[in-house]
Every structure is written in structure tokens, then in C-alpha cells.
Amino acid sequence: MSERKVLNKYYPPDFDPSKIPRMKLAKNRQYTVRLMAPFNMRCKTCGEYIYKGKKFNARKEDVENETYLGIRIYRFYIKCTRCLQEISFKTDPQNTDYEIEAGATRNFMALKLAEEQARREEREAREEEANNPMKLLENRTQQSRNEIEMLESLEELRDLNRRQQTVDYSTMLEQYNPAETERERLDREEREDEAFVKSVNFKSKTEGSTRIVTEEIIEEVKEEDINPPAAKVAKPTSLSAGNNNSSTAPPIVKRKTPLVLVRPKVPPASSAAASTSSVAVAAPTSSATSKPAGLSLLAAYSDSSEDSN
């Protein structure tokens, strides 16, 4: 059994297309087509309004002996939706529109009438210029006068815009200021900075002075010990000799501040003065280390209170 919808059909070997009988159709045959009303119309019989876009099953035929630049013109027949009166209209390729023929009247269309009137006036103006040379001269004179007026109004607008535009103060100052410009000023400042950097002598600070930093050691002493040993505290390393402290450390936590001694670099001729100054600097350090401790001050305070009693 063959398929219901096939694309390829079987032709027998002895098939002869010329033997197929041909139907004789009418020369101006009508076809049934589905279309929409191209414009608003009103039936002449019953006065029913038929609006643009309403769908109809229409009959289409060719208009005999009527073409426009080789383009065929077609005629359509529809029926009124109320009284079934036949309405006919045809195509108008010259105006890219449709033209009503019978059975109805086209509704008023202001835009279409205005376009037709404008085309009519333009056609009459061209005919008048072609037949009357004085009219052509007058029209050209009027056009030149209009162009001059337009140029003057345009120049006035340009002047007005030129007055209202913002003033660029930087450009104005550069134009009327005889001094150096911004770029020259920046170049000059850059050269001055480079000269200043080259003039600075970056030398090591250790060449001119000597720093001696003492070490800080903290030891804790328990209260249980009756005779606690002397706390070992690191002695500051200084240039002066003989800074030995034979006093015993109290049984508390003692913190020594670091000592910094700075010795300026001096010429060899004044070496004796340098040694004297170093001894003078070291002397206050020994006196500072030999200050009485906190417990000795407390004992002295208690003795004084007993004597007063």
C-alpha cells in the first residue's frame, strides 16, 4: 500500500505526456481568493459601513485591455455583509491604491485628498513656468531673496552662540601673559629639583660618631632566700675603665636603662682633649650606678622614725 502523501510519483516506461487530454478553460476566468477590504466604504443599497481590514471571499479577474506600464490591473468582487449586494473595485498601480467601481462609495479621506491637491498644484505650477518665462524669472528672484534671508538669519544665530559660549580663562591668560608657560615652569622646577638632589652629600652617619649601647638583663630573686646572692647585671661597655660596683643587689627585680654614649670624630691633634672628655662622660655614669637602692632608702627612713620616737 502506497503512502498517502508522496513527493515522487511513478511514471511507467511508456508514459507520453502529449496523450493527456487538456481542459479548455475560459480566457478571462475568475478565481476565488481571500482578501481584506483595502479601505473604508459604505454600501449604496443598505448603508452598511464596511471597515478597512474586514475579510472577504472575493472573486478575482483580469481587467481586459487595461494595463499601466505593462502591469496588469485586477478587479475584485465582494458582497455586502448585510444585504449581499455585490461591490466591485480594482487596483490602481499608478497611485499605488485601489479604485472603487460599483456597489459602494468610499468614505472621506482627508489625507488622500490633500495629497491629490498637492500633486495637482505642483503639476499646474510646472506647466505655468514652462509656458510663461516671466513667471519663471519671478520665481528664481524670490528663491534667491529667500536664500539671502536664510543666510543672514544663520549668521545672526552664529554670532549669538559665539557670545554665549563659555570663556576659556587658561587660554586667555596664556595668550596675553608674557611670562613663562605652564610647560616651561614645570621644566624649570624639574631642573631645580635635580640640581638640589645632586648637591646633597649622602654620607654614612657612623663615620662622624660612635654609639655604645649597653645591654639590659633582668633577674628575679625569690623572697624565700634569706641571703640572696648578688644579682648579676651586665656592666655597660664604655671607654672609661674602673667602673666596678661592689654593692650587693637588692632582692627585687632591677631594670637598667640602656646607656648610649656618642663620641664625635675628632682630629688626632686633639686626642688628649678627647680622652679627657671621655673620662668626663664616664664619670656621671659611675655616679649614676652607685646610687642607693630602694631597700637601703627604706632602712634609712625606718631609722629616722625610731630616733624621733
C-alpha atoms as a PDB file:
ATOM      1  CA  MET A   1       0.000   0.000   0.000  1.00  0.00           C
ATOM      2  CA  SER A   2       1.433   3.347  -1.039  1.00  0.00           C
ATOM      3  CA  GLU A   3       1.800   6.344   1.237  1.00  0.00           C
ATOM      4  CA  ARG A   4      -0.889   8.961   1.460  1.00  0.00           C
ATOM      5  CA  LYS A   5       1.458  11.928   0.954  1.00  0.00           C
ATOM      6  CA  VAL A   6       4.174  11.259  -1.591  1.00  0.00           C
ATOM      7  CA  LEU A   7       6.632  13.517  -3.325  1.00  0.00           C
ATOM      8  CA  ASN A   8       7.867  11.181  -6.051  1.00  0.00           C
ATOM      9  CA  LYS A   9       5.348   9.563  -8.357  1.00  0.00           C
ATOM     10  CA  TYR A  10       5.793   6.552 -10.586  1.00  0.00           C
ATOM     11  CA  TYR A  11       5.868   7.103 -14.327  1.00  0.00           C
ATOM     12  CA  PRO A  12       5.651   3.953 -16.475  1.00  0.00           C
ATOM     13  CA  PRO A  13       8.137   3.449 -19.310  1.00  0.00           C
ATOM     14  CA  ASP A  14       5.522   4.048 -21.983  1.00  0.00           C
ATOM     15  CA  PHE A  15       4.299   7.352 -20.455  1.00  0.00           C
ATOM     16  CA  ASP A  16       3.558  10.027 -23.078  1.00  0.00           C
ATOM     17  CA  PRO A  17       2.531  13.489 -21.784  1.00  0.00           C
ATOM     18  CA  SER A  18       1.121  14.502 -25.154  1.00  0.00           C
ATOM     19  CA  LYS A  19      -1.619  11.896 -24.864  1.00  0.00           C
ATOM     20  CA  ILE A  20      -3.061  13.544 -21.697  1.00  0.00           C
ATOM     21  CA  PRO A  21      -6.270  15.422 -22.581  1.00  0.00           C
ATOM     22  CA  ARG A  22      -6.208  19.166 -21.961  1.00  0.00           C
ATOM     23  CA  MET A  23      -9.139  21.083 -20.482  1.00  0.00           C
ATOM     24  CA  LYS A  24     -10.280  24.168 -22.368  1.00  0.00           C
ATOM     25  CA  LEU A  25     -10.756  26.949 -19.829  1.00  0.00           C
ATOM     26  CA  ALA A  26     -12.204  30.392 -20.369  1.00  0.00           C
ATOM     27  CA  LYS A  27      -9.766  33.131 -21.332  1.00  0.00           C
ATOM     28  CA  ASN A  28     -10.895  35.514 -18.592  1.00  0.00           C
ATOM     29  CA  ARG A  29     -11.502  33.024 -15.826  1.00  0.00           C
ATOM     30  CA  GLN A  30     -12.400  34.140 -12.298  1.00  0.00           C
ATOM     31  CA  TYR A  31     -10.578  32.816  -9.224  1.00  0.00           C
ATOM     32  CA  THR A  32     -11.744  32.768  -5.622  1.00  0.00           C
ATOM     33  CA  VAL A  33      -9.295  34.480  -3.286  1.00  0.00           C
ATOM     34  CA  ARG A  34      -9.293  35.556   0.356  1.00  0.00           C
ATOM     35  CA  LEU A  35      -8.687  39.264   0.865  1.00  0.00           C
ATOM     36  CA  MET A  36      -9.318  42.180   3.226  1.00  0.00           C
ATOM     37  CA  ALA A  37     -11.147  45.390   2.416  1.00  0.00           C
ATOM     38  CA  PRO A  38      -8.471  47.903   1.290  1.00  0.00           C
ATOM     39  CA  PHE A  39     -10.379  50.998   2.526  1.00  0.00           C
ATOM     40  CA  ASN A  40     -13.477  52.094   4.420  1.00  0.00           C
ATOM     41  CA  MET A  41     -16.639  52.005   2.302  1.00  0.00           C
ATOM     42  CA  ARG A  42     -20.417  52.245   2.622  1.00  0.00           C
ATOM     43  CA  CYS A  43     -22.939  50.108   0.771  1.00  0.00           C
ATOM     44  CA  LYS A  44     -25.242  52.071  -1.563  1.00  0.00           C
ATOM     45  CA  THR A  45     -28.191  49.731  -1.056  1.00  0.00           C
ATOM     46  CA  CYS A  46     -28.468  49.344   2.742  1.00  0.00           C
ATOM     47  CA  GLY A  47     -25.999  51.928   4.010  1.00  0.00           C
ATOM     48  CA  GLU A  48     -23.862  49.352   5.881  1.00  0.00           C
ATOM     49  CA  TYR A  49     -20.367  50.515   6.759  1.00  0.00           C
ATOM     50  CA  ILE A  50     -17.560  48.156   5.759  1.00  0.00           C
ATOM     51  CA  TYR A  51     -14.330  48.995   7.525  1.00  0.00           C
ATOM     52  CA  LYS A  52     -10.803  48.564   6.282  1.00  0.00           C
ATOM     53  CA  GLY A  53      -9.328  45.146   7.104  1.00  0.00           C
ATOM     54  CA  LYS A  54     -12.575  43.133   7.028  1.00  0.00           C
ATOM     55  CA  LYS A  55     -12.011  39.742   5.387  1.00  0.00           C
ATOM     56  CA  PHE A  56     -13.994  38.534   2.377  1.00  0.00           C
ATOM     57  CA  ASN A  57     -14.029  35.579  -0.017  1.00  0.00           C
ATOM     58  CA  ALA A  58     -13.733  37.555  -3.251  1.00  0.00           C
ATOM     59  CA  ARG A  59     -13.664  36.733  -6.937  1.00  0.00           C
ATOM     60  CA  LYS A  60     -10.670  37.983  -8.892  1.00  0.00           C
ATOM     61  CA  GLU A  61     -10.383  38.572 -12.653  1.00  0.00           C
ATOM     62  CA  ASP A  62      -8.131  40.434 -15.057  1.00  0.00           C
ATOM     63  CA  VAL A  63      -9.317  43.746 -16.487  1.00  0.00           C
ATOM     64  CA  GLU A  64      -9.366  43.407 -20.273  1.00  0.00           C
ATOM     65  CA  ASN A  65      -7.452  45.851 -22.440  1.00  0.00           C
ATOM     66  CA  GLU A  66      -6.221  47.892 -19.478  1.00  0.00           C
ATOM     67  CA  THR A  67      -2.648  47.965 -18.118  1.00  0.00           C
ATOM     68  CA  TYR A  68      -0.245  50.502 -16.643  1.00  0.00           C
ATOM     69  CA  LEU A  69       3.359  50.361 -17.868  1.00  0.00           C
ATOM     70  CA  GLY A  70       2.943  46.649 -18.549  1.00  0.00           C
ATOM     71  CA  ILE A  71       1.457  45.948 -15.094  1.00  0.00           C
ATOM     72  CA  ARG A  72      -1.776  44.022 -15.035  1.00  0.00           C
ATOM     73  CA  ILE A  73      -4.850  45.505 -13.390  1.00  0.00           C
ATOM     74  CA  TYR A  74      -7.146  43.186 -11.396  1.00  0.00           C
ATOM     75  CA  ARG A  75     -10.810  43.512 -10.455  1.00  0.00           C
ATOM     76  CA  PHE A  76     -12.345  42.097  -7.270  1.00  0.00           C
ATOM     77  CA  TYR A  77     -15.981  41.331  -6.393  1.00  0.00           C
ATOM     78  CA  ILE A  78     -17.210  41.132  -2.802  1.00  0.00           C
ATOM     79  CA  LYS A  79     -20.674  41.079  -1.193  1.00  0.00           C
ATOM     80  CA  CYS A  80     -22.122  43.345   1.452  1.00  0.00           C
ATOM     81  CA  THR A  81     -22.292  41.686   4.861  1.00  0.00           C
ATOM     82  CA  ARG A  82     -25.892  42.880   5.369  1.00  0.00           C
ATOM     83  CA  CYS A  83     -27.781  42.900   2.063  1.00  0.00           C
ATOM     84  CA  LEU A  84     -25.412  40.739  -0.048  1.00  0.00           C
ATOM     85  CA  GLN A  85     -25.161  43.491  -2.650  1.00  0.00           C
ATOM     86  CA  GLU A  86     -22.179  42.967  -4.965  1.00  0.00           C
ATOM     87  CA  ILE A  87     -19.393  45.515  -4.651  1.00  0.00           C
ATOM     88  CA  SER A  88     -16.545  45.758  -7.144  1.00  0.00           C
ATOM     89  CA  PHE A  89     -13.194  47.614  -7.058  1.00  0.00           C
ATOM     90  CA  LYS A  90      -9.938  47.353  -8.962  1.00  0.00           C
ATOM     91  CA  THR A  91      -6.260  48.041  -8.448  1.00  0.00           C
ATOM     92  CA  ASP A  92      -4.639  51.416  -9.264  1.00  0.00           C
ATOM     93  CA  PRO A  93      -0.864  50.887  -9.735  1.00  0.00           C
ATOM     94  CA  GLN A  94      -0.365  54.472 -10.862  1.00  0.00           C
ATOM     95  CA  ASN A  95      -1.249  55.818  -7.388  1.00  0.00           C
ATOM     96  CA  THR A  96      -0.432  52.563  -5.512  1.00  0.00           C
ATOM     97  CA  ASP A  97      -4.036  52.400  -4.326  1.00  0.00           C
ATOM     98  CA  TYR A  98      -7.452  50.870  -5.091  1.00  0.00           C
ATOM     99  CA  GLU A  99     -10.341  52.430  -7.011  1.00  0.00           C
ATOM    100  CA  ILE A 100     -13.994  51.757  -6.210  1.00  0.00           C
ATOM    101  CA  GLU A 101     -16.175  50.888  -9.240  1.00  0.00           C
ATOM    102  CA  ALA A 102     -19.733  49.945  -8.212  1.00  0.00           C
ATOM    103  CA  GLY A 103     -21.956  48.954  -5.301  1.00  0.00           C
ATOM    104  CA  ALA A 104     -20.452  51.252  -2.635  1.00  0.00           C
ATOM    105  CA  THR A 105     -18.897  54.642  -2.009  1.00  0.00           C
ATOM    106  CA  ARG A 106     -15.518  55.245  -0.443  1.00  0.00           C
ATOM    107  CA  ASN A 107     -15.520  57.135   2.830  1.00  0.00           C
ATOM    108  CA  PHE A 108     -13.943  60.605   3.078  1.00  0.00           C
ATOM    109  CA  MET A 109     -10.157  60.514   3.464  1.00  0.00           C
ATOM    110  CA  ALA A 110      -8.643  63.914   4.162  1.00  0.00           C
ATOM    111  CA  LEU A 111      -5.040  62.762   3.720  1.00  0.00           C
ATOM    112  CA  LYS A 112      -5.719  61.274   0.304  1.00  0.00           C
ATOM    113  CA  LEU A 113      -7.499  64.418  -0.895  1.00  0.00           C
ATOM    114  CA  ALA A 114      -4.676  66.638   0.407  1.00  0.00           C
ATOM    115  CA  GLU A 115      -2.061  64.592  -1.445  1.00  0.00           C
ATOM    116  CA  GLU A 116      -4.071  64.725  -4.651  1.00  0.00           C
ATOM    117  CA  GLN A 117      -4.469  68.503  -4.355  1.00  0.00           C
ATOM    118  CA  ALA A 118      -0.730  68.979  -3.736  1.00  0.00           C
ATOM    119  CA  ARG A 119       0.129  66.903  -6.786  1.00  0.00           C
ATOM    120  CA  ARG A 120      -2.383  68.882  -8.871  1.00  0.00           C
ATOM    121  CA  GLU A 121      -0.956  72.249  -7.792  1.00  0.00           C
ATOM    122  CA  GLU A 122       2.606  71.128  -8.464  1.00  0.00           C
ATOM    123  CA  ARG A 123       1.644  69.987 -11.933  1.00  0.00           C
ATOM    124  CA  GLU A 124      -0.062  73.318 -12.675  1.00  0.00           C
ATOM    125  CA  ALA A 125       2.972  75.265 -11.431  1.00  0.00           C
ATOM    126  CA  ARG A 126       5.309  73.364 -13.724  1.00  0.00           C
ATOM    127  CA  GLU A 127       3.025  73.939 -16.698  1.00  0.00           C
ATOM    128  CA  GLU A 128       2.814  77.670 -15.952  1.00  0.00           C
ATOM    129  CA  GLU A 129       6.599  78.037 -15.689  1.00  0.00           C
ATOM    130  CA  ALA A 130       7.051  76.171 -18.934  1.00  0.00           C
ATOM    131  CA  ASN A 131       4.587  78.449 -20.786  1.00  0.00           C
ATOM    132  CA  ASN A 132       5.402  81.818 -19.075  1.00  0.00           C
ATOM    133  CA  PRO A 133       9.135  82.829 -18.909  1.00  0.00           C
ATOM    134  CA  MET A 134       8.374  85.937 -16.813  1.00  0.00           C
ATOM    135  CA  LYS A 135       6.832  83.743 -14.139  1.00  0.00           C
ATOM    136  CA  LEU A 136       9.968  81.591 -14.145  1.00  0.00           C
ATOM    137  CA  LEU A 137      12.135  84.710 -13.632  1.00  0.00           C
ATOM    138  CA  GLU A 138       9.969  85.896 -10.741  1.00  0.00           C
ATOM    139  CA  ASN A 139      10.226  82.504  -9.046  1.00  0.00           C
ATOM    140  CA  ARG A 140      14.024  82.462  -9.359  1.00  0.00           C
ATOM    141  CA  THR A 141      14.264  86.007  -7.918  1.00  0.00           C
ATOM    142  CA  GLN A 142      12.092  85.023  -4.998  1.00  0.00           C
ATOM    143  CA  GLN A 143      14.218  81.934  -4.344  1.00  0.00           C
ATOM    144  CA  SER A 144      17.461  83.981  -4.332  1.00  0.00           C
ATOM    145  CA  ARG A 145      15.894  86.518  -1.918  1.00  0.00           C
ATOM    146  CA  ASN A 146      14.823  83.699   0.386  1.00  0.00           C
ATOM    147  CA  GLU A 147      18.316  82.200   0.345  1.00  0.00           C
ATOM    148  CA  ILE A 148      19.881  85.562   1.307  1.00  0.00           C
ATOM    149  CA  GLU A 149      17.452  85.954   4.211  1.00  0.00           C
ATOM    150  CA  MET A 150      18.232  82.455   5.430  1.00  0.00           C
ATOM    151  CA  LEU A 151      21.988  83.135   5.321  1.00  0.00           C
ATOM    152  CA  GLU A 152      21.533  86.354   7.315  1.00  0.00           C
ATOM    153  CA  SER A 153      19.455  84.624   9.973  1.00  0.00           C
ATOM    154  CA  LEU A 154      22.049  81.850  10.161  1.00  0.00           C
ATOM    155  CA  GLU A 155      24.848  84.396  10.661  1.00  0.00           C
ATOM    156  CA  GLU A 156      22.868  86.057  13.454  1.00  0.00           C
ATOM    157  CA  LEU A 157      22.447  82.729  15.191  1.00  0.00           C
ATOM    158  CA  ARG A 158      26.186  82.051  14.929  1.00  0.00           C
ATOM    159  CA  ASP A 159      27.007  85.447  16.464  1.00  0.00           C
ATOM    160  CA  LEU A 160      24.582  84.794  19.308  1.00  0.00           C
ATOM    161  CA  ASN A 161      26.120  81.405  20.022  1.00  0.00           C
ATOM    162  CA  ARG A 162      29.600  82.898  19.899  1.00  0.00           C
ATOM    163  CA  ARG A 163      28.637  85.448  22.553  1.00  0.00           C
ATOM    164  CA  GLN A 164      27.085  82.888  24.848  1.00  0.00           C
ATOM    165  CA  GLN A 165      29.848  80.330  24.691  1.00  0.00           C
ATOM    166  CA  THR A 166      31.991  79.888  27.813  1.00  0.00           C
ATOM    167  CA  VAL A 167      35.300  81.739  28.143  1.00  0.00           C
ATOM    168  CA  ASP A 168      38.459  79.621  28.485  1.00  0.00           C
ATOM    169  CA  TYR A 169      40.432  81.592  31.076  1.00  0.00           C
ATOM    170  CA  SER A 170      43.582  79.466  30.836  1.00  0.00           C
ATOM    171  CA  THR A 171      43.860  80.034  27.085  1.00  0.00           C
ATOM    172  CA  MET A 172      43.214  83.751  27.523  1.00  0.00           C
ATOM    173  CA  LEU A 173      45.931  84.051  30.185  1.00  0.00           C
ATOM    174  CA  GLU A 174      48.423  82.127  28.070  1.00  0.00           C
ATOM    175  CA  GLN A 175      47.672  84.410  25.143  1.00  0.00           C
ATOM    176  CA  TYR A 176      48.097  87.739  26.982  1.00  0.00           C
ATOM    177  CA  ASN A 177      50.653  86.723  29.663  1.00  0.00           C
ATOM    178  CA  PRO A 178      54.257  87.330  28.527  1.00  0.00           C
ATOM    179  CA  ALA A 179      55.622  85.224  31.390  1.00  0.00           C
ATOM    180  CA  GLU A 180      56.639  81.610  31.067  1.00  0.00           C
ATOM    181  CA  THR A 181      54.080  78.987  30.118  1.00  0.00           C
ATOM    182  CA  GLU A 182      52.975  76.069  32.240  1.00  0.00           C
ATOM    183  CA  ARG A 183      55.286  73.646  30.447  1.00  0.00           C
ATOM    184  CA  GLU A 184      58.306  75.906  30.831  1.00  0.00           C
ATOM    185  CA  ARG A 185      57.563  76.332  34.547  1.00  0.00           C
ATOM    186  CA  LEU A 186      57.380  72.559  35.045  1.00  0.00           C
ATOM    187  CA  ASP A 187      60.666  72.057  33.190  1.00  0.00           C
ATOM    188  CA  ARG A 188      62.350  74.722  35.309  1.00  0.00           C
ATOM    189  CA  GLU A 189      61.117  73.172  38.574  1.00  0.00           C
ATOM    190  CA  GLU A 190      62.304  69.746  37.436  1.00  0.00           C
ATOM    191  CA  ARG A 191      65.790  71.093  36.681  1.00  0.00           C
ATOM    192  CA  GLU A 192      65.956  72.794  40.095  1.00  0.00           C
ATOM    193  CA  ASP A 193      64.967  69.557  41.830  1.00  0.00           C
ATOM    194  CA  GLU A 194      67.649  67.601  40.002  1.00  0.00           C
ATOM    195  CA  ALA A 195      70.297  70.190  40.910  1.00  0.00           C
ATOM    196  CA  PHE A 196      69.289  70.085  44.582  1.00  0.00           C
ATOM    197  CA  VAL A 197      69.466  66.268  44.665  1.00  0.00           C
ATOM    198  CA  LYS A 198      72.944  66.343  43.150  1.00  0.00           C
ATOM    199  CA  SER A 199      74.138  68.967  45.671  1.00  0.00           C
ATOM    200  CA  VAL A 200      73.151  66.867  48.717  1.00  0.00           C
ATOM    201  CA  ASN A 201      76.060  64.711  50.064  1.00  0.00           C
ATOM    202  CA  PHE A 202      74.667  61.418  51.320  1.00  0.00           C
ATOM    203  CA  LYS A 203      77.362  60.152  53.805  1.00  0.00           C
ATOM    204  CA  SER A 204      77.139  57.471  56.462  1.00  0.00           C
ATOM    205  CA  LYS A 205      76.310  58.771  59.918  1.00  0.00           C
ATOM    206  CA  THR A 206      78.583  56.177  61.590  1.00  0.00           C
ATOM    207  CA  GLU A 207      81.671  57.973  60.266  1.00  0.00           C
ATOM    208  CA  GLY A 208      81.093  61.059  62.388  1.00  0.00           C
ATOM    209  CA  SER A 209      80.028  59.475  65.686  1.00  0.00           C
ATOM    210  CA  THR A 210      80.384  56.297  67.697  1.00  0.00           C
ATOM    211  CA  ARG A 211      77.461  54.729  69.540  1.00  0.00           C
ATOM    212  CA  ILE A 212      77.877  52.400  72.518  1.00  0.00           C
ATOM    213  CA  VAL A 213      74.702  50.696  73.686  1.00  0.00           C
ATOM    214  CA  THR A 214      74.581  48.826  76.961  1.00  0.00           C
ATOM    215  CA  GLU A 215      72.839  45.531  77.455  1.00  0.00           C
ATOM    216  CA  GLU A 216      69.869  45.118  79.793  1.00  0.00           C
ATOM    217  CA  ILE A 217      69.486  41.934  81.862  1.00  0.00           C
ATOM    218  CA  ILE A 218      66.575  41.280  84.263  1.00  0.00           C
ATOM    219  CA  GLU A 219      66.792  38.642  87.004  1.00  0.00           C
ATOM    220  CA  GLU A 220      64.129  37.650  89.521  1.00  0.00           C
ATOM    221  CA  VAL A 221      65.043  36.961  93.176  1.00  0.00           C
ATOM    222  CA  LYS A 222      62.791  34.781  95.323  1.00  0.00           C
ATOM    223  CA  GLU A 223      61.664  36.072  98.708  1.00  0.00           C
ATOM    224  CA  GLU A 224      62.357  32.663 100.355  1.00  0.00           C
ATOM    225  CA  ASP A 225      66.110  33.135 100.151  1.00  0.00           C
ATOM    226  CA  ILE A 226      67.487  34.687 103.354  1.00  0.00           C
ATOM    227  CA  ASN A 227      70.874  35.640 101.969  1.00  0.00           C
ATOM    228  CA  PRO A 228      70.232  36.070  98.251  1.00  0.00           C
ATOM    229  CA  PRO A 229      73.276  36.283  96.085  1.00  0.00           C
ATOM    230  CA  ALA A 230      74.103  39.453  94.356  1.00  0.00           C
ATOM    231  CA  ALA A 231      72.181  39.959  91.129  1.00  0.00           C
ATOM    232  CA  LYS A 232      74.340  39.727  88.111  1.00  0.00           C
ATOM    233  CA  VAL A 233      73.852  42.747  85.993  1.00  0.00           C
ATOM    234  CA  ALA A 234      75.782  43.316  82.808  1.00  0.00           C
ATOM    235  CA  LYS A 235      78.038  46.296  83.029  1.00  0.00           C
ATOM    236  CA  PRO A 236      77.905  48.937  80.353  1.00  0.00           C
ATOM    237  CA  THR A 237      80.797  48.810  77.949  1.00  0.00           C
ATOM    238  CA  SER A 238      82.241  52.265  77.824  1.00  0.00           C
ATOM    239  CA  LEU A 239      85.540  53.841  77.054  1.00  0.00           C
ATOM    240  CA  SER A 240      86.261  54.654  80.734  1.00  0.00           C
ATOM    241  CA  ALA A 241      87.862  51.959  82.911  1.00  0.00           C
ATOM    242  CA  GLY A 242      87.331  51.157  86.625  1.00  0.00           C
ATOM    243  CA  ASN A 243      83.518  51.396  86.735  1.00  0.00           C
ATOM    244  CA  ASN A 244      83.093  48.419  89.108  1.00  0.00           C
ATOM    245  CA  ASN A 245      80.189  48.425  91.513  1.00  0.00           C
ATOM    246  CA  SER A 246      80.843  46.229  94.606  1.00  0.00           C
ATOM    247  CA  SER A 247      77.470  46.886  96.217  1.00  0.00           C
ATOM    248  CA  THR A 248      75.167  43.920  96.535  1.00  0.00           C
ATOM    249  CA  ALA A 249      71.923  43.909  94.517  1.00  0.00           C
ATOM    250  CA  PRO A 250      68.672  44.146  96.463  1.00  0.00           C
ATOM    251  CA  PRO A 251      66.268  41.203  96.388  1.00  0.00           C
ATOM    252  CA  ILE A 252      63.980  42.817  93.796  1.00  0.00           C
ATOM    253  CA  VAL A 253      63.773  42.965  90.035  1.00  0.00           C
ATOM    254  CA  LYS A 254      66.127  45.641  88.846  1.00  0.00           C
ATOM    255  CA  ARG A 255      65.885  47.086  85.354  1.00  0.00           C
ATOM    256  CA  LYS A 256      68.640  49.236  83.983  1.00  0.00           C
ATOM    257  CA  THR A 257      68.014  51.671  81.223  1.00  0.00           C
ATOM    258  CA  PRO A 258      70.300  51.375  78.221  1.00  0.00           C
ATOM    259  CA  LEU A 259      73.183  53.783  78.113  1.00  0.00           C
ATOM    260  CA  VAL A 260      74.127  55.401  74.854  1.00  0.00           C
ATOM    261  CA  LEU A 261      77.415  57.186  74.536  1.00  0.00           C
ATOM    262  CA  VAL A 262      78.199  59.169  71.453  1.00  0.00           C
ATOM    263  CA  ARG A 263      81.783  60.054  70.689  1.00  0.00           C
ATOM    264  CA  PRO A 264      82.253  62.592  67.929  1.00  0.00           C
ATOM    265  CA  LYS A 265      85.041  62.128  65.467  1.00  0.00           C
ATOM    266  CA  VAL A 266      87.950  64.449  66.367  1.00  0.00           C
ATOM    267  CA  PRO A 267      91.246  65.136  64.653  1.00  0.00           C
ATOM    268  CA  PRO A 268      94.394  63.403  66.015  1.00  0.00           C
ATOM    269  CA  ALA A 269      95.864  66.681  67.273  1.00  0.00           C
ATOM    270  CA  SER A 270      93.238  66.947  69.985  1.00  0.00           C
ATOM    271  CA  SER A 271      93.483  63.327  71.216  1.00  0.00           C
ATOM    272  CA  ALA A 272      94.277  64.431  74.802  1.00  0.00           C
ATOM    273  CA  ALA A 273      91.177  66.581  74.898  1.00  0.00           C
ATOM    274  CA  ALA A 274      89.134  63.619  73.598  1.00  0.00           C
ATOM    275  CA  SER A 275      90.430  61.325  76.385  1.00  0.00           C
ATOM    276  CA  THR A 276      89.611  63.956  78.977  1.00  0.00           C
ATOM    277  CA  SER A 277      86.095  64.360  77.588  1.00  0.00           C
ATOM    278  CA  SER A 278      85.551  60.574  77.582  1.00  0.00           C
ATOM    279  CA  VAL A 279      86.539  60.382  81.246  1.00  0.00           C
ATOM    280  CA  ALA A 280      84.223  63.279  81.982  1.00  0.00           C
ATOM    281  CA  VAL A 281      81.356  61.494  80.220  1.00  0.00           C
ATOM    282  CA  ALA A 282      82.020  58.218  82.039  1.00  0.00           C
ATOM    283  CA  ALA A 283      82.136  59.874  85.477  1.00  0.00           C
ATOM    284  CA  PRO A 284      78.422  60.616  85.718  1.00  0.00           C
ATOM    285  CA  THR A 285      77.664  57.065  84.635  1.00  0.00           C
ATOM    286  CA  SER A 286      79.618  55.657  87.623  1.00  0.00           C
ATOM    287  CA  SER A 287      77.864  58.036  89.959  1.00  0.00           C
ATOM    288  CA  ALA A 288      74.544  57.042  88.432  1.00  0.00           C
ATOM    289  CA  THR A 289      75.266  53.362  89.002  1.00  0.00           C
ATOM    290  CA  SER A 290      76.355  53.960  92.622  1.00  0.00           C
ATOM    291  CA  LYS A 291      73.046  55.463  93.700  1.00  0.00           C
ATOM    292  CA  PRO A 292      71.471  53.843  96.802  1.00  0.00           C
ATOM    293  CA  ALA A 293      68.937  51.149  96.122  1.00  0.00           C
ATOM    294  CA  GLY A 294      65.285  51.128  97.203  1.00  0.00           C
ATOM    295  CA  LEU A 295      65.731  48.882 100.360  1.00  0.00           C
ATOM    296  CA  SER A 296      68.603  50.983 101.694  1.00  0.00           C
ATOM    297  CA  LEU A 297      66.436  54.103 101.462  1.00  0.00           C
ATOM    298  CA  LEU A 298      63.638  52.267 103.245  1.00  0.00           C
ATOM    299  CA  ALA A 299      66.060  51.271 106.086  1.00  0.00           C
ATOM    300  CA  ALA A 300      67.269  54.818 106.451  1.00  0.00           C
ATOM    301  CA  TYR A 301      63.666  56.039 106.673  1.00  0.00           C
ATOM    302  CA  SER A 302      62.842  53.487 109.420  1.00  0.00           C
ATOM    303  CA  ASP A 303      65.975  54.524 111.479  1.00  0.00           C
ATOM    304  CA  SER A 304      64.970  58.134 111.317  1.00  0.00           C
ATOM    305  CA  SER A 305      61.451  57.331 112.531  1.00  0.00           C
ATOM    306  CA  GLU A 306      62.847  55.363 115.571  1.00  0.00           C
ATOM    307  CA  ASP A 307      65.176  58.223 116.571  1.00  0.00           C
ATOM    308  CA  SER A 308      62.284  60.618 116.505  1.00  0.00           C
ATOM    309  CA  ASN A 309      60.280  58.370 118.880  1.00  0.00           C
END
